[in-house]
Amino acid sequence: MPLIRLHKMTTFQWGIWQIEESLDDLLGSFHSPNSYRYDISSFSSTQRQLEYIGARVLLKHILGEEKEIGYHSNGKPFLIDDSYRISISHSGKYVAVIASPDYEVGIDIERYSERIDRLATRFMRLDEISTSYEGDLRWSYLLHWSAKEVLFKILNQKNVDFKKHLRVEPFQVSDCGVFYANEMKTNKKKRFDIGYKIHPDFVLTWSVDK
């Protein structure tokens, strides 16, 4: 399971892995693999099983110890011991995890795909500006979508409209950096720093609600 990137800061850390191992190889990373086998026994898809176990292997790598993950009724993940706030994202063979001991966090990974062309009008606002990266607007579309997924995860609110309630401020796309996004869903109407990275296969975005 090759580690693509590990990013550690004072208040948070995240990692990306490319899942290439078999399920048995991944399960071998844990002290009690049978408990994880039971967790995934109801999953009909092998891909879903790999995502589930892969996220836990990556979290162990980031934190240096095994942690039990639970899920709220809306699907938001949390650690049973409440030692960190976490967020998890999957896209194809890639998994990304972010963790912070103090703040709510969000992370999202989106594989490059022509499909984003058809979806852009559903989440892009008229006052949002797309700029090309290496002559390709899809990277900008993907970053807008991914950033809004991050905000959606952090807000943890029902009925969030990606066009009405979330806005990405104009920025020039490069291979990595920071841009800003605003939420208009809550009374706080907060502004977020969105960190991002472009990989030939995907975009990654993350944010910390400080």
Protein backbone atom coordinates (compact mmCIF):
# COMPACT_ATOMS: atom_id res chain seq x y z
CA MET A 1 0.00 0.00 0.00
CA PRO A 2 2.16 2.88 -1.22
CA LEU A 3 1.99 6.13 0.69
CA ILE A 4 1.61 8.95 -1.83
CA ARG A 5 1.83 11.81 0.63
CA LEU A 6 1.92 12.43 4.37
CA HIS A 7 1.38 15.99 5.58
CA LYS A 8 1.89 16.87 9.24
CA MET A 9 1.18 20.25 10.82
CA THR A 10 0.89 21.35 14.45
CA THR A 11 -2.91 21.21 14.52
CA PHE A 12 -3.66 18.49 11.97
CA GLN A 13 -2.21 15.80 9.74
CA TRP A 14 -3.38 13.99 6.65
CA GLY A 15 -2.27 11.21 4.36
CA ILE A 16 -3.08 9.67 0.97
CA TRP A 17 -2.62 6.04 0.08
CA GLN A 18 -3.04 4.06 -3.10
CA ILE A 19 -4.59 0.69 -2.26
CA GLU A 20 -2.83 -2.06 -4.20
CA GLU A 21 -2.71 -4.86 -1.61
CA SER A 22 -5.14 -7.70 -1.18
CA LEU A 23 -7.67 -7.59 1.62
CA ASP A 24 -5.69 -10.19 3.57
CA ASP A 25 -2.53 -8.11 3.32
CA LEU A 26 -4.34 -5.04 4.64
CA LEU A 27 -5.93 -6.97 7.49
CA GLY A 28 -2.48 -8.19 8.48
CA SER A 29 -1.71 -4.63 9.63
CA PHE A 30 -3.93 -5.05 12.70
CA HIS A 31 -3.48 -6.84 16.02
CA SER A 32 -6.94 -8.46 15.79
CA PRO A 33 -7.81 -8.79 12.09
CA ASN A 34 -10.82 -11.03 12.76
CA SER A 35 -12.76 -8.17 14.32
CA TYR A 36 -12.31 -6.21 11.10
CA ARG A 37 -13.33 -9.23 9.04
CA TYR A 38 -16.59 -9.26 10.97
CA ASP A 39 -17.10 -5.53 10.31
CA ILE A 40 -16.86 -5.99 6.55
CA SER A 41 -18.67 -9.33 6.31
CA SER A 42 -21.91 -7.61 5.30
CA PHE A 43 -20.30 -5.62 2.47
CA SER A 44 -21.22 -7.11 -0.89
CA SER A 45 -18.50 -5.20 -2.76
CA THR A 46 -14.82 -6.09 -2.48
CA GLN A 47 -14.01 -2.48 -3.35
CA ARG A 48 -16.07 -1.28 -0.38
CA GLN A 49 -14.21 -3.72 1.88
CA LEU A 50 -10.85 -2.44 0.65
CA GLU A 51 -11.92 1.18 1.20
CA TYR A 52 -13.10 0.44 4.73
CA ILE A 53 -9.94 -1.38 5.76
CA GLY A 54 -7.63 0.91 3.78
CA ALA A 55 -8.89 3.98 5.64
CA ARG A 56 -8.14 2.32 8.98
CA VAL A 57 -4.67 1.25 7.89
CA LEU A 58 -3.94 4.81 6.78
CA LEU A 59 -5.30 6.26 10.03
CA LYS A 60 -3.02 3.90 11.97
CA HIS A 61 -0.07 5.09 9.89
CA ILE A 62 -0.93 8.76 10.51
CA LEU A 63 -1.51 8.47 14.26
CA GLY A 64 0.94 5.67 15.04
CA GLU A 65 -1.70 3.48 16.71
CA GLU A 66 -4.94 1.69 15.97
CA LYS A 67 -8.13 3.63 16.57
CA GLU A 68 -11.72 2.42 16.45
CA ILE A 69 -13.92 4.40 14.08
CA GLY A 70 -17.64 4.85 14.60
CA TYR A 71 -20.26 6.57 12.46
CA HIS A 72 -23.00 9.02 13.30
CA SER A 73 -26.47 8.43 11.87
CA ASN A 74 -25.65 10.75 8.95
CA GLY A 75 -22.51 8.77 8.09
CA LYS A 76 -19.97 11.19 9.58
CA PRO A 77 -17.01 9.22 11.01
CA PHE A 78 -15.66 9.74 14.51
CA LEU A 79 -13.17 8.07 16.84
CA ILE A 80 -14.72 6.06 19.66
CA ASP A 81 -12.19 7.43 22.16
CA ASP A 82 -12.79 11.02 20.95
CA SER A 83 -9.03 11.68 20.78
CA TYR A 84 -9.14 13.24 17.31
CA ARG A 85 -11.63 14.73 14.87
CA ILE A 86 -11.37 12.89 11.57
CA SER A 87 -12.57 12.95 7.98
CA ILE A 88 -12.24 10.22 5.36
CA SER A 89 -12.54 10.25 1.57
CA HIS A 90 -12.26 7.58 -1.12
CA SER A 91 -12.00 7.76 -4.88
CA GLY A 92 -11.26 4.62 -6.84
CA LYS A 93 -8.07 3.05 -5.51
CA TYR A 94 -7.17 6.11 -3.43
CA VAL A 95 -8.05 6.88 0.17
CA ALA A 96 -7.39 10.09 2.12
CA VAL A 97 -7.69 10.70 5.87
CA ILE A 98 -7.24 13.86 7.96
CA ALA A 99 -7.10 14.07 11.77
CA SER A 100 -6.91 16.89 14.31
CA PRO A 101 -6.93 16.66 18.12
CA ASP A 102 -8.62 20.04 18.49
CA TYR A 103 -10.64 21.08 15.43
CA GLU A 104 -13.31 19.83 13.06
CA VAL A 105 -11.73 18.82 9.76
CA GLY A 106 -12.75 17.87 6.26
CA ILE A 107 -10.92 16.18 3.41
CA ASP A 108 -11.97 15.14 -0.09
CA ILE A 109 -10.27 13.35 -2.95
CA GLU A 110 -11.76 13.36 -6.47
CA ARG A 111 -10.39 11.42 -9.42
CA TYR A 112 -9.97 13.24 -12.72
CA SER A 113 -12.93 12.48 -14.99
CA GLU A 114 -14.74 13.99 -17.96
CA ARG A 115 -17.96 13.45 -16.00
CA ILE A 116 -17.31 16.70 -14.11
CA ASP A 117 -18.14 18.65 -17.30
CA ARG A 118 -21.78 17.54 -17.11
CA LEU A 119 -22.06 18.23 -13.39
CA ALA A 120 -20.44 21.66 -13.19
CA THR A 121 -23.66 23.65 -13.64
CA ARG A 122 -25.19 21.84 -10.67
CA PHE A 123 -22.68 23.17 -8.14
CA MET A 124 -20.89 26.15 -9.76
CA ARG A 125 -22.31 29.59 -9.02
CA LEU A 126 -22.43 32.42 -11.57
CA ASP A 127 -20.04 34.44 -9.38
CA GLU A 128 -17.49 31.61 -9.22
CA ILE A 129 -14.64 31.76 -11.72
CA SER A 130 -12.99 28.75 -13.36
CA THR A 131 -9.37 29.08 -14.45
CA SER A 132 -7.57 26.43 -16.46
CA TYR A 133 -4.63 24.38 -15.24
CA GLU A 134 -2.33 23.25 -18.04
CA GLY A 135 -5.06 24.30 -20.47
CA ASP A 136 -7.76 22.18 -18.82
CA LEU A 137 -10.77 23.66 -17.01
CA ARG A 138 -11.73 20.32 -15.47
CA TRP A 139 -9.15 20.74 -12.74
CA SER A 140 -10.86 23.95 -11.65
CA TYR A 141 -14.29 22.28 -11.71
CA LEU A 142 -12.95 19.40 -9.64
CA LEU A 143 -11.41 21.75 -7.09
CA HIS A 144 -14.66 23.70 -6.71
CA TRP A 145 -16.64 20.49 -6.22
CA SER A 146 -14.07 18.97 -3.87
CA ALA A 147 -13.82 22.13 -1.74
CA LYS A 148 -17.59 22.19 -1.32
CA GLU A 149 -17.52 18.54 -0.26
CA VAL A 150 -14.99 19.52 2.41
CA LEU A 151 -17.21 22.34 3.69
CA PHE A 152 -20.23 20.03 3.67
CA LYS A 153 -18.34 17.57 5.87
CA ILE A 154 -17.20 20.25 8.31
CA LEU A 155 -20.59 21.96 8.57
CA ASN A 156 -22.35 18.66 9.29
CA GLN A 157 -25.72 20.25 8.46
CA LYS A 158 -28.79 18.98 6.67
CA ASN A 159 -30.06 20.43 3.39
CA VAL A 160 -26.85 22.14 2.28
CA ASP A 161 -27.24 23.46 -1.27
CA PHE A 162 -23.81 23.52 -2.95
CA LYS A 163 -24.77 26.48 -5.17
CA LYS A 164 -26.81 28.51 -2.71
CA HIS A 165 -24.92 27.95 0.53
CA LEU A 166 -21.29 27.44 -0.54
CA ARG A 167 -19.06 29.76 -2.57
CA VAL A 168 -15.45 29.43 -3.67
CA GLU A 169 -13.61 32.73 -4.03
CA PRO A 170 -11.75 33.32 -7.34
CA PHE A 171 -8.23 31.90 -7.49
CA GLN A 172 -5.63 30.87 -10.03
CA VAL A 173 -5.18 27.11 -10.12
CA SER A 174 -1.65 25.77 -9.70
CA ASP A 175 -0.30 22.36 -8.70
CA CYS A 176 -0.86 23.07 -5.00
CA GLY A 177 -1.73 25.93 -2.69
CA VAL A 178 -4.55 27.53 -0.72
CA PHE A 179 -7.77 29.23 -1.77
CA TYR A 180 -10.79 30.45 0.18
CA ALA A 181 -14.41 29.41 0.40
CA ASN A 182 -17.43 30.76 2.25
CA GLU A 183 -20.48 29.10 3.75
CA MET A 184 -23.81 30.94 3.86
CA LYS A 185 -25.75 28.11 5.51
CA THR A 186 -25.23 29.05 9.17
CA ASN A 187 -25.59 32.34 11.01
CA LYS A 188 -21.80 32.48 11.42
CA LYS A 189 -21.24 32.63 7.65
CA LYS A 190 -17.66 31.49 8.02
CA ARG A 191 -14.72 31.78 5.63
CA PHE A 192 -12.44 28.76 5.27
CA ASP A 193 -8.90 28.21 4.05
CA ILE A 194 -8.93 25.34 1.57
CA GLY A 195 -5.61 23.58 1.07
CA TYR A 196 -5.28 21.68 -2.20
CA LYS A 197 -3.00 19.51 -4.26
CA ILE A 198 -3.27 18.33 -7.86
CA HIS A 199 -2.01 14.85 -8.74
CA PRO A 200 -2.14 13.48 -12.31
CA ASP A 201 -4.98 11.16 -11.21
CA PHE A 202 -6.91 13.33 -8.75
CA VAL A 203 -7.38 16.52 -6.77
CA LEU A 204 -7.19 16.65 -2.99
CA THR A 205 -8.69 19.39 -0.81
CA TRP A 206 -8.80 19.81 2.95
CA SER A 207 -9.69 22.36 5.61
CA VAL A 208 -9.54 22.83 9.38
CA ASP A 209 -12.30 24.72 11.22
CA LYS A 210 -10.14 26.74 13.62
